């Protein structure tokens, strides 16, 4: 595990924020901390140069980015085996002390290194057991809060699940629906059920003429010449629990419940937010709108073929 390209950080905090990333005095100083030149009131309070003059500030930013990149890149190389040795941790500590990086700066560098490794892991859209274990161990080692990298954890879990499905591994779960003999449940999710409905309308116009027989009342001589047209609309009819077992598809809704044996499934179609099924004995196509239609489609396909 490990990214092919080294992480590159470009960071430009204001002088008022420098104290979060570099070990400098909390209070503004009257003289530049680097060259000792006096800082005028205008520089300190209007332009926000509270620690360094203009030229020194650019040098400090360059040194900060150099330290961040050196820390992140060394970390990235060190964790390619999914672990950090004591010597590697010691080297990282030396880099931190050399550039006077604070814990916040170390966190910034560590997060960038983590995301670079994460991008490399998911680049092939597959996550193996080993890769998932290593990147989770890396996250714990770097002490990265889950809430700050939650989207990456969700993507890793999904790709790991899809990788298992591609390898023919179907999970077995507990469900509260009644299972038949030798039947096991593989997947359960909330679903909205939609059906195709045919709506008939008439289009056309009137022929003939009108005769006024009273105020606001007319008698039309002639008729309405129209022709019927039909169009297909998709209408939500229910919502509830959708379960995939090794024998059938089961829907338990608020108004209706049914099951579809795999032997009666003709085909299915994957959409961005739904899976459409076509089954024998059912003219109207059914759509299941679910949180993750890709996983649902793969599980049905795998269960049908096993």
C-alpha atoms as a PDB file:
ATOM      1  CA  UNK A   1       0.000   0.000   0.000  1.00  0.00           C
ATOM      2  CA  UNK A   2       1.217   3.492  -0.780  1.00  0.00           C
ATOM      3  CA  UNK A   3       0.765   6.268  -3.299  1.00  0.00           C
ATOM      4  CA  UNK A   4       2.886   6.377  -6.465  1.00  0.00           C
ATOM      5  CA  UNK A   5       3.100  10.177  -6.416  1.00  0.00           C
ATOM      6  CA  UNK A   6       4.322  12.076  -3.386  1.00  0.00           C
ATOM      7  CA  UNK A   7       1.950  14.428  -1.682  1.00  0.00           C
ATOM      8  CA  UNK A   8       2.435  18.137  -2.366  1.00  0.00           C
ATOM      9  CA  UNK A   9       1.189  20.734   0.110  1.00  0.00           C
ATOM     10  CA  UNK A  10       0.883  24.452  -0.626  1.00  0.00           C
ATOM     11  CA  UNK A  11      -0.344  26.316   2.413  1.00  0.00           C
ATOM     12  CA  UNK A  12      -0.536  30.072   3.042  1.00  0.00           C
ATOM     13  CA  UNK A  13      -1.994  30.958   6.430  1.00  0.00           C
ATOM     14  CA  UNK A  14      -2.207  34.594   7.458  1.00  0.00           C
ATOM     15  CA  UNK A  15       0.187  35.864  10.114  1.00  0.00           C
ATOM     16  CA  UNK A  16      -2.629  35.834  12.654  1.00  0.00           C
ATOM     17  CA  UNK A  17      -3.000  32.071  12.016  1.00  0.00           C
ATOM     18  CA  UNK A  18       0.682  31.194  12.041  1.00  0.00           C
ATOM     19  CA  UNK A  19       0.617  30.400  15.738  1.00  0.00           C
ATOM     20  CA  UNK A  20      -1.571  27.352  14.998  1.00  0.00           C
ATOM     21  CA  UNK A  21       1.123  25.800  12.806  1.00  0.00           C
ATOM     22  CA  UNK A  22       4.432  27.182  14.074  1.00  0.00           C
ATOM     23  CA  UNK A  23       5.814  27.513  17.577  1.00  0.00           C
ATOM     24  CA  UNK A  24       5.829  31.298  17.851  1.00  0.00           C
ATOM     25  CA  UNK A  25       4.708  33.671  20.628  1.00  0.00           C
ATOM     26  CA  UNK A  26       0.993  33.999  21.088  1.00  0.00           C
ATOM     27  CA  UNK A  27       1.094  37.774  21.486  1.00  0.00           C
ATOM     28  CA  UNK A  28       2.128  40.049  18.589  1.00  0.00           C
ATOM     29  CA  UNK A  29       5.618  41.463  18.876  1.00  0.00           C
ATOM     30  CA  UNK A  30       6.885  45.021  18.158  1.00  0.00           C
ATOM     31  CA  UNK A  31       9.806  43.686  16.102  1.00  0.00           C
ATOM     32  CA  UNK A  32      10.050  41.100  13.338  1.00  0.00           C
ATOM     33  CA  UNK A  33      10.912  37.757  14.943  1.00  0.00           C
ATOM     34  CA  UNK A  34      13.309  36.901  12.132  1.00  0.00           C
ATOM     35  CA  UNK A  35      15.230  40.076  11.254  1.00  0.00           C
ATOM     36  CA  UNK A  36      14.353  42.185  14.353  1.00  0.00           C
ATOM     37  CA  UNK A  37      13.219  45.166  12.292  1.00  0.00           C
ATOM     38  CA  UNK A  38      10.551  47.264  14.020  1.00  0.00           C
ATOM     39  CA  UNK A  39       6.972  46.642  12.918  1.00  0.00           C
ATOM     40  CA  UNK A  40       4.909  49.817  12.600  1.00  0.00           C
ATOM     41  CA  UNK A  41       1.390  50.166  13.927  1.00  0.00           C
ATOM     42  CA  UNK A  42       0.151  50.067  10.319  1.00  0.00           C
ATOM     43  CA  UNK A  43       1.980  46.803   9.637  1.00  0.00           C
ATOM     44  CA  UNK A  44       0.920  45.129  12.865  1.00  0.00           C
ATOM     45  CA  UNK A  45      -2.744  46.067  13.136  1.00  0.00           C
ATOM     46  CA  UNK A  46      -3.865  47.136   9.647  1.00  0.00           C
ATOM     47  CA  UNK A  47      -1.884  44.790   7.415  1.00  0.00           C
ATOM     48  CA  UNK A  48      -1.909  41.996   9.991  1.00  0.00           C
ATOM     49  CA  UNK A  49       1.911  41.571  10.040  1.00  0.00           C
ATOM     50  CA  UNK A  50       2.072  40.798  13.731  1.00  0.00           C
ATOM     51  CA  UNK A  51       5.203  38.658  13.839  1.00  0.00           C
ATOM     52  CA  UNK A  52       7.250  39.187  10.665  1.00  0.00           C
ATOM     53  CA  UNK A  53       7.946  41.872   8.138  1.00  0.00           C
ATOM     54  CA  UNK A  54       6.811  41.337   4.542  1.00  0.00           C
ATOM     55  CA  UNK A  55      10.033  39.740   3.287  1.00  0.00           C
ATOM     56  CA  UNK A  56      10.515  37.507   6.331  1.00  0.00           C
ATOM     57  CA  UNK A  57       6.894  36.409   6.218  1.00  0.00           C
ATOM     58  CA  UNK A  58       7.423  34.964   2.718  1.00  0.00           C
ATOM     59  CA  UNK A  59      10.522  33.138   3.952  1.00  0.00           C
ATOM     60  CA  UNK A  60       8.582  31.745   6.908  1.00  0.00           C
ATOM     61  CA  UNK A  61       5.799  30.522   4.605  1.00  0.00           C
ATOM     62  CA  UNK A  62       8.386  28.812   2.418  1.00  0.00           C
ATOM     63  CA  UNK A  63       9.956  27.112   5.451  1.00  0.00           C
ATOM     64  CA  UNK A  64       6.530  26.082   6.763  1.00  0.00           C
ATOM     65  CA  UNK A  65       5.571  24.469   3.446  1.00  0.00           C
ATOM     66  CA  UNK A  66       8.963  22.816   3.250  1.00  0.00           C
ATOM     67  CA  UNK A  67       8.455  21.340   6.715  1.00  0.00           C
ATOM     68  CA  UNK A  68       4.881  20.232   5.965  1.00  0.00           C
ATOM     69  CA  UNK A  69       5.911  18.550   2.731  1.00  0.00           C
ATOM     70  CA  UNK A  70       8.965  16.885   4.229  1.00  0.00           C
ATOM     71  CA  UNK A  71       6.859  15.517   7.079  1.00  0.00           C
ATOM     72  CA  UNK A  72       3.995  14.373   4.829  1.00  0.00           C
ATOM     73  CA  UNK A  73       6.247  12.824   2.177  1.00  0.00           C
ATOM     74  CA  UNK A  74       8.367  10.932   4.695  1.00  0.00           C
ATOM     75  CA  UNK A  75       5.182   9.730   6.374  1.00  0.00           C
ATOM     76  CA  UNK A  76       3.769   8.658   3.024  1.00  0.00           C
ATOM     77  CA  UNK A  77       6.850   6.561   2.260  1.00  0.00           C
ATOM     78  CA  UNK A  78       7.009   5.154   5.778  1.00  0.00           C
ATOM     79  CA  UNK A  79       3.425   3.896   5.797  1.00  0.00           C
ATOM     80  CA  UNK A  80       3.578   2.082   2.462  1.00  0.00           C
ATOM     81  CA  UNK A  81       3.742  -1.182   4.427  1.00  0.00           C
ATOM     82  CA  UNK A  82       0.752  -0.138   6.550  1.00  0.00           C
ATOM     83  CA  UNK A  83       2.797   0.402   9.706  1.00  0.00           C
ATOM     84  CA  UNK A  84       5.121   2.884  11.423  1.00  0.00           C
ATOM     85  CA  UNK A  85       8.268   1.598  13.105  1.00  0.00           C
ATOM     86  CA  UNK A  86       9.828   3.238  16.151  1.00  0.00           C
ATOM     87  CA  UNK A  87      12.683   4.575  14.007  1.00  0.00           C
ATOM     88  CA  UNK A  88      10.203   6.090  11.557  1.00  0.00           C
ATOM     89  CA  UNK A  89       8.283   7.732  14.378  1.00  0.00           C
ATOM     90  CA  UNK A  90      11.560   9.109  15.730  1.00  0.00           C
ATOM     91  CA  UNK A  91      12.436  10.563  12.319  1.00  0.00           C
ATOM     92  CA  UNK A  92       9.030  12.245  12.062  1.00  0.00           C
ATOM     93  CA  UNK A  93       9.558  13.769  15.502  1.00  0.00           C
ATOM     94  CA  UNK A  94      12.914  15.169  14.356  1.00  0.00           C
ATOM     95  CA  UNK A  95      11.285  16.805  11.315  1.00  0.00           C
ATOM     96  CA  UNK A  96       8.609  18.307  13.537  1.00  0.00           C
ATOM     97  CA  UNK A  97      11.201  19.782  15.901  1.00  0.00           C
ATOM     98  CA  UNK A  98      13.458  21.005  13.091  1.00  0.00           C
ATOM     99  CA  UNK A  99      10.691  23.083  11.508  1.00  0.00           C
ATOM    100  CA  UNK A 100       8.958  23.895  14.823  1.00  0.00           C
ATOM    101  CA  UNK A 101       5.703  22.374  13.630  1.00  0.00           C
ATOM    102  CA  UNK A 102       2.803  22.383  16.068  1.00  0.00           C
ATOM    103  CA  UNK A 103       0.363  19.494  16.581  1.00  0.00           C
ATOM    104  CA  UNK A 104      -2.042  21.264  14.215  1.00  0.00           C
ATOM    105  CA  UNK A 105       0.625  21.375  11.509  1.00  0.00           C
ATOM    106  CA  UNK A 106       1.419  17.691  12.041  1.00  0.00           C
ATOM    107  CA  UNK A 107      -2.292  16.917  11.755  1.00  0.00           C
ATOM    108  CA  UNK A 108      -2.468  18.863   8.480  1.00  0.00           C
ATOM    109  CA  UNK A 109       0.518  16.978   7.037  1.00  0.00           C
ATOM    110  CA  UNK A 110      -0.780  13.628   8.274  1.00  0.00           C
ATOM    111  CA  UNK A 111      -4.231  14.235   6.780  1.00  0.00           C
ATOM    112  CA  UNK A 112      -2.714  15.077   3.393  1.00  0.00           C
ATOM    113  CA  UNK A 113      -0.579  11.927   3.491  1.00  0.00           C
ATOM    114  CA  UNK A 114      -3.617   9.842   4.438  1.00  0.00           C
ATOM    115  CA  UNK A 115      -5.702  11.223   1.561  1.00  0.00           C
ATOM    116  CA  UNK A 116      -2.889  10.526  -0.901  1.00  0.00           C
ATOM    117  CA  UNK A 117      -2.696   6.897   0.236  1.00  0.00           C
ATOM    118  CA  UNK A 118      -6.502   6.665   0.203  1.00  0.00           C
ATOM    119  CA  UNK A 119      -6.637   7.866  -3.414  1.00  0.00           C
ATOM    120  CA  UNK A 120      -4.103   5.239  -4.419  1.00  0.00           C
ATOM    121  CA  UNK A 121      -6.016   2.460  -2.637  1.00  0.00           C
ATOM    122  CA  UNK A 122      -9.327   3.254  -4.393  1.00  0.00           C
ATOM    123  CA  UNK A 123      -7.780   4.035  -7.803  1.00  0.00           C
ATOM    124  CA  UNK A 124      -8.734   0.581  -9.164  1.00  0.00           C
ATOM    125  CA  UNK A 125     -12.206   0.739  -7.544  1.00  0.00           C
ATOM    126  CA  UNK A 126     -11.338  -2.311  -5.439  1.00  0.00           C
ATOM    127  CA  UNK A 127     -10.468  -2.614  -1.751  1.00  0.00           C
ATOM    128  CA  UNK A 128      -9.173  -5.933  -0.458  1.00  0.00           C
ATOM    129  CA  UNK A 129      -9.327  -7.150   3.142  1.00  0.00           C
ATOM    130  CA  UNK A 130      -5.627  -6.382   3.543  1.00  0.00           C
ATOM    131  CA  UNK A 131      -5.917  -2.869   2.133  1.00  0.00           C
ATOM    132  CA  UNK A 132      -8.895  -2.059   4.345  1.00  0.00           C
ATOM    133  CA  UNK A 133      -7.114  -3.338   7.447  1.00  0.00           C
ATOM    134  CA  UNK A 134      -3.936  -1.405   6.643  1.00  0.00           C
ATOM    135  CA  UNK A 135      -5.614   1.935   5.950  1.00  0.00           C
ATOM    136  CA  UNK A 136      -7.766   1.625   9.078  1.00  0.00           C
ATOM    137  CA  UNK A 137      -4.645   0.901  11.122  1.00  0.00           C
ATOM    138  CA  UNK A 138      -2.981   3.901   9.478  1.00  0.00           C
ATOM    139  CA  UNK A 139      -5.904   6.148  10.441  1.00  0.00           C
ATOM    140  CA  UNK A 140      -5.680   4.982  14.059  1.00  0.00           C
ATOM    141  CA  UNK A 141      -1.918   5.436  14.092  1.00  0.00           C
ATOM    142  CA  UNK A 142      -2.236   9.000  12.807  1.00  0.00           C
ATOM    143  CA  UNK A 143      -5.057   9.675  15.294  1.00  0.00           C
ATOM    144  CA  UNK A 144      -7.304  11.163  12.608  1.00  0.00           C
ATOM    145  CA  UNK A 145     -10.870  11.792  13.897  1.00  0.00           C
ATOM    146  CA  UNK A 146     -13.453   9.671  12.069  1.00  0.00           C
ATOM    147  CA  UNK A 147     -15.800  12.614  11.565  1.00  0.00           C
ATOM    148  CA  UNK A 148     -13.152  14.503   9.572  1.00  0.00           C
ATOM    149  CA  UNK A 149     -12.598  11.672   7.094  1.00  0.00           C
ATOM    150  CA  UNK A 150     -16.091  10.118   7.174  1.00  0.00           C
ATOM    151  CA  UNK A 151     -16.620  10.244   3.364  1.00  0.00           C
ATOM    152  CA  UNK A 152     -13.422   8.240   2.795  1.00  0.00           C
ATOM    153  CA  UNK A 153     -14.505   5.597   5.318  1.00  0.00           C
ATOM    154  CA  UNK A 154     -17.879   5.238   3.597  1.00  0.00           C
ATOM    155  CA  UNK A 155     -16.248   4.862   0.184  1.00  0.00           C
ATOM    156  CA  UNK A 156     -13.746   2.315   1.493  1.00  0.00           C
ATOM    157  CA  UNK A 157     -16.534   0.253   3.081  1.00  0.00           C
ATOM    158  CA  UNK A 158     -18.600   0.305  -0.114  1.00  0.00           C
ATOM    159  CA  UNK A 159     -15.691  -0.648  -2.395  1.00  0.00           C
ATOM    160  CA  UNK A 160     -14.633  -3.387   0.020  1.00  0.00           C
ATOM    161  CA  UNK A 161     -18.169  -4.783  -0.049  1.00  0.00           C
ATOM    162  CA  UNK A 162     -18.278  -4.626  -3.869  1.00  0.00           C
ATOM    163  CA  UNK A 163     -14.873  -6.317  -4.068  1.00  0.00           C
ATOM    164  CA  UNK A 164     -16.172  -9.187  -1.948  1.00  0.00           C
ATOM    165  CA  UNK A 165     -19.212  -9.508  -4.203  1.00  0.00           C
ATOM    166  CA  UNK A 166     -17.012  -9.633  -7.291  1.00  0.00           C
ATOM    167  CA  UNK A 167     -15.122 -12.477  -5.636  1.00  0.00           C
ATOM    168  CA  UNK A 168     -18.404 -14.335  -5.186  1.00  0.00           C
ATOM    169  CA  UNK A 169     -18.669 -13.747  -1.438  1.00  0.00           C
ATOM    170  CA  UNK A 170     -22.253 -13.076  -0.347  1.00  0.00           C
ATOM    171  CA  UNK A 171     -22.854 -11.901   3.234  1.00  0.00           C
ATOM    172  CA  UNK A 172     -25.386 -13.653   5.451  1.00  0.00           C
ATOM    173  CA  UNK A 173     -27.464 -11.334   7.641  1.00  0.00           C
ATOM    174  CA  UNK A 174     -30.238 -11.504  10.217  1.00  0.00           C
ATOM    175  CA  UNK A 175     -33.710 -10.378   9.123  1.00  0.00           C
ATOM    176  CA  UNK A 176     -37.165 -10.322  10.691  1.00  0.00           C
ATOM    177  CA  UNK A 177     -38.959 -11.676   7.620  1.00  0.00           C
ATOM    178  CA  UNK A 178     -39.941 -15.337   7.738  1.00  0.00           C
ATOM    179  CA  UNK A 179     -37.427 -17.386   5.778  1.00  0.00           C
ATOM    180  CA  UNK A 180     -38.233 -20.659   4.106  1.00  0.00           C
ATOM    181  CA  UNK A 181     -36.387 -23.934   4.490  1.00  0.00           C
ATOM    182  CA  UNK A 182     -32.709 -23.613   3.479  1.00  0.00           C
ATOM    183  CA  UNK A 183     -33.214 -19.909   2.799  1.00  0.00           C
ATOM    184  CA  UNK A 184     -30.730 -17.269   4.025  1.00  0.00           C
ATOM    185  CA  UNK A 185     -30.868 -13.491   3.773  1.00  0.00           C
ATOM    186  CA  UNK A 186     -27.997 -11.670   2.052  1.00  0.00           C
ATOM    187  CA  UNK A 187     -29.045  -8.016   2.008  1.00  0.00           C
ATOM    188  CA  UNK A 188     -31.689  -5.697   3.436  1.00  0.00           C
ATOM    189  CA  UNK A 189     -32.377  -2.038   2.710  1.00  0.00           C
ATOM    190  CA  UNK A 190     -35.117   0.576   2.759  1.00  0.00           C
ATOM    191  CA  UNK A 191     -36.758   0.998  -0.644  1.00  0.00           C
ATOM    192  CA  UNK A 192     -39.401   3.100  -2.342  1.00  0.00           C
ATOM    193  CA  UNK A 193     -41.478   1.091  -4.810  1.00  0.00           C
ATOM    194  CA  UNK A 194     -42.497   2.678  -8.107  1.00  0.00           C
ATOM    195  CA  UNK A 195     -44.497   1.177 -10.967  1.00  0.00           C
ATOM    196  CA  UNK A 196     -45.042   2.056 -14.590  1.00  0.00           C
ATOM    197  CA  UNK A 197     -48.616   3.131 -15.221  1.00  0.00           C
ATOM    198  CA  UNK A 198     -50.294   3.865 -18.558  1.00  0.00           C
ATOM    199  CA  UNK A 199     -52.313   7.082 -18.631  1.00  0.00           C
ATOM    200  CA  UNK A 200     -54.865   7.680 -21.396  1.00  0.00           C
ATOM    201  CA  UNK A 201     -55.724  11.197 -22.536  1.00  0.00           C
ATOM    202  CA  UNK A 202     -57.809  12.659 -25.348  1.00  0.00           C
ATOM    203  CA  UNK A 203     -56.513  15.350 -27.613  1.00  0.00           C
ATOM    204  CA  UNK A 204     -58.377  17.203 -30.350  1.00  0.00           C
ATOM    205  CA  UNK A 205     -60.955  19.974 -30.634  1.00  0.00           C
ATOM    206  CA  UNK A 206     -64.576  20.961 -31.077  1.00  0.00           C
ATOM    207  CA  UNK A 207     -66.366  21.199 -34.425  1.00  0.00           C
ATOM    208  CA  UNK A 208     -69.584  23.076 -35.277  1.00  0.00           C
ATOM    209  CA  UNK A 209     -70.911  26.381 -33.933  1.00  0.00           C
ATOM    210  CA  UNK A 210     -72.503  27.848 -30.779  1.00  0.00           C
ATOM    211  CA  UNK A 211     -75.957  29.424 -30.315  1.00  0.00           C
ATOM    212  CA  UNK A 212     -76.601  31.713 -27.359  1.00  0.00           C
ATOM    213  CA  UNK A 213     -79.825  30.746 -25.615  1.00  0.00           C
ATOM    214  CA  UNK A 214     -79.426  32.764 -22.400  1.00  0.00           C
ATOM    215  CA  UNK A 215     -76.891  34.959 -20.677  1.00  0.00           C
ATOM    216  CA  UNK A 216     -73.819  32.831 -20.135  1.00  0.00           C
ATOM    217  CA  UNK A 217     -75.475  29.751 -21.670  1.00  0.00           C
ATOM    218  CA  UNK A 218     -74.637  28.417 -25.134  1.00  0.00           C
ATOM    219  CA  UNK A 219     -75.816  25.455 -27.142  1.00  0.00           C
ATOM    220  CA  UNK A 220     -73.080  23.930 -29.300  1.00  0.00           C
ATOM    221  CA  UNK A 221     -74.121  22.374 -32.536  1.00  0.00           C
ATOM    222  CA  UNK A 222     -71.584  19.764 -33.601  1.00  0.00           C
ATOM    223  CA  UNK A 223     -69.318  17.467 -31.608  1.00  0.00           C
ATOM    224  CA  UNK A 224     -65.956  16.888 -29.992  1.00  0.00           C
ATOM    225  CA  UNK A 225     -63.462  15.298 -32.330  1.00  0.00           C
ATOM    226  CA  UNK A 226     -60.665  13.792 -30.257  1.00  0.00           C
ATOM    227  CA  UNK A 227     -58.309  10.864 -30.359  1.00  0.00           C
ATOM    228  CA  UNK A 228     -56.942   8.948 -27.415  1.00  0.00           C
ATOM    229  CA  UNK A 229     -53.225   8.916 -26.671  1.00  0.00           C
ATOM    230  CA  UNK A 230     -51.391   6.871 -24.099  1.00  0.00           C
ATOM    231  CA  UNK A 231     -48.250   7.730 -22.175  1.00  0.00           C
ATOM    232  CA  UNK A 232     -46.326   5.836 -19.543  1.00  0.00           C
ATOM    233  CA  UNK A 233     -45.721   7.483 -16.177  1.00  0.00           C
ATOM    234  CA  UNK A 234     -43.822   6.186 -13.149  1.00  0.00           C
ATOM    235  CA  UNK A 235     -45.722   6.466  -9.880  1.00  0.00           C
ATOM    236  CA  UNK A 236     -44.693   5.705  -6.313  1.00  0.00           C
ATOM    237  CA  UNK A 237     -47.067   3.160  -4.815  1.00  0.00           C
ATOM    238  CA  UNK A 238     -45.381   2.135  -1.577  1.00  0.00           C
ATOM    239  CA  UNK A 239     -42.278   2.136   0.592  1.00  0.00           C
ATOM    240  CA  UNK A 240     -40.814  -0.405   2.956  1.00  0.00           C
ATOM    241  CA  UNK A 241     -38.203  -3.079   3.468  1.00  0.00           C
ATOM    242  CA  UNK A 242     -36.493  -4.885   0.599  1.00  0.00           C
ATOM    243  CA  UNK A 243     -34.685  -8.158   1.333  1.00  0.00           C
ATOM    244  CA  UNK A 244     -32.566 -10.287  -1.008  1.00  0.00           C
ATOM    245  CA  UNK A 245     -32.251 -13.945  -0.058  1.00  0.00           C
ATOM    246  CA  UNK A 246     -30.640 -16.873  -1.818  1.00  0.00           C
ATOM    247  CA  UNK A 247     -34.054 -17.775  -3.325  1.00  0.00           C
ATOM    248  CA  UNK A 248     -36.088 -14.626  -3.879  1.00  0.00           C
ATOM    249  CA  UNK A 249     -36.611 -10.892  -3.637  1.00  0.00           C
ATOM    250  CA  UNK A 250     -38.941  -9.885  -0.787  1.00  0.00           C
ATOM    251  CA  UNK A 251     -40.655  -6.520  -0.403  1.00  0.00           C
ATOM    252  CA  UNK A 252     -42.533  -5.714   2.818  1.00  0.00           C
ATOM    253  CA  UNK A 253     -44.271  -2.366   2.435  1.00  0.00           C
ATOM    254  CA  UNK A 254     -46.756  -0.225   4.286  1.00  0.00           C
ATOM    255  CA  UNK A 255     -49.617  -1.113   1.912  1.00  0.00           C
ATOM    256  CA  UNK A 256     -48.504  -4.228   0.069  1.00  0.00           C
ATOM    257  CA  UNK A 257     -46.019  -7.048   0.406  1.00  0.00           C
ATOM    258  CA  UNK A 258     -44.850  -9.603  -2.142  1.00  0.00           C
ATOM    259  CA  UNK A 259     -41.950 -11.827  -3.074  1.00  0.00           C
ATOM    260  CA  UNK A 260     -40.397 -12.606  -6.439  1.00  0.00           C
ATOM    261  CA  UNK A 261     -38.723 -16.009  -6.859  1.00  0.00           C
ATOM    262  CA  UNK A 262     -35.540 -15.746  -8.883  1.00  0.00           C
ATOM    263  CA  UNK A 263     -36.994 -18.226 -11.368  1.00  0.00           C
ATOM    264  CA  UNK A 264     -39.513 -15.548 -12.398  1.00  0.00           C
ATOM    265  CA  UNK A 265     -37.011 -12.739 -12.827  1.00  0.00           C
ATOM    266  CA  UNK A 266     -36.427 -11.900 -16.500  1.00  0.00           C
ATOM    267  CA  UNK A 267     -33.889  -9.105 -16.173  1.00  0.00           C
ATOM    268  CA  UNK A 268     -32.959  -6.007 -14.195  1.00  0.00           C
ATOM    269  CA  UNK A 269     -31.682  -2.560 -15.146  1.00  0.00           C
ATOM    270  CA  UNK A 270     -29.463  -0.343 -13.034  1.00  0.00           C
ATOM    271  CA  UNK A 271     -30.125   3.385 -12.740  1.00  0.00           C
ATOM    272  CA  UNK A 272     -28.292   6.067 -10.780  1.00  0.00           C
ATOM    273  CA  UNK A 273     -30.836   5.941  -7.956  1.00  0.00           C
ATOM    274  CA  UNK A 274     -32.864   2.789  -8.615  1.00  0.00           C
ATOM    275  CA  UNK A 275     -33.027  -0.775  -9.891  1.00  0.00           C
ATOM    276  CA  UNK A 276     -35.780  -1.761 -12.343  1.00  0.00           C
ATOM    277  CA  UNK A 277     -36.919  -5.386 -12.462  1.00  0.00           C
ATOM    278  CA  UNK A 278     -38.884  -7.181 -15.139  1.00  0.00           C
ATOM    279  CA  UNK A 279     -40.603 -10.407 -14.086  1.00  0.00           C
ATOM    280  CA  UNK A 280     -42.914 -13.013 -15.530  1.00  0.00           C
ATOM    281  CA  UNK A 281     -46.626 -12.459 -14.945  1.00  0.00           C
ATOM    282  CA  UNK A 282     -46.187  -8.743 -14.311  1.00  0.00           C
ATOM    283  CA  UNK A 283     -46.832  -6.314 -17.148  1.00  0.00           C
ATOM    284  CA  UNK A 284     -45.972  -3.186 -15.180  1.00  0.00           C
ATOM    285  CA  UNK A 285     -42.254  -2.685 -14.612  1.00  0.00           C
ATOM    286  CA  UNK A 286     -41.214  -2.140 -11.000  1.00  0.00           C
ATOM    287  CA  UNK A 287     -38.561   0.278  -9.745  1.00  0.00           C
ATOM    288  CA  UNK A 288     -36.876   0.066  -6.355  1.00  0.00           C
ATOM    289  CA  UNK A 289     -35.365   3.396  -5.346  1.00  0.00           C
ATOM    290  CA  UNK A 290     -32.661   2.630  -2.789  1.00  0.00           C
ATOM    291  CA  UNK A 291     -29.653   4.273  -1.174  1.00  0.00           C
ATOM    292  CA  UNK A 292     -27.118   2.220  -3.117  1.00  0.00           C
ATOM    293  CA  UNK A 293     -28.582   0.659  -6.295  1.00  0.00           C
ATOM    294  CA  UNK A 294     -25.179  -0.594  -7.493  1.00  0.00           C
ATOM    295  CA  UNK A 295     -24.813  -2.891  -4.476  1.00  0.00           C
ATOM    296  CA  UNK A 296     -28.436  -4.062  -4.749  1.00  0.00           C
ATOM    297  CA  UNK A 297     -28.018  -4.959  -8.437  1.00  0.00           C
ATOM    298  CA  UNK A 298     -24.775  -6.846  -7.824  1.00  0.00           C
ATOM    299  CA  UNK A 299     -26.221  -8.836  -4.914  1.00  0.00           C
ATOM    300  CA  UNK A 300     -29.323  -9.832  -6.893  1.00  0.00           C
ATOM    301  CA  UNK A 301     -27.192 -10.854  -9.873  1.00  0.00           C
ATOM    302  CA  UNK A 302     -24.818 -12.868  -7.723  1.00  0.00           C
ATOM    303  CA  UNK A 303     -27.625 -14.542  -5.745  1.00  0.00           C
ATOM    304  CA  UNK A 304     -29.480 -15.479  -8.940  1.00  0.00           C
ATOM    305  CA  UNK A 305     -26.373 -17.057 -10.474  1.00  0.00           C
ATOM    306  CA  UNK A 306     -25.335 -19.069  -7.435  1.00  0.00           C
END
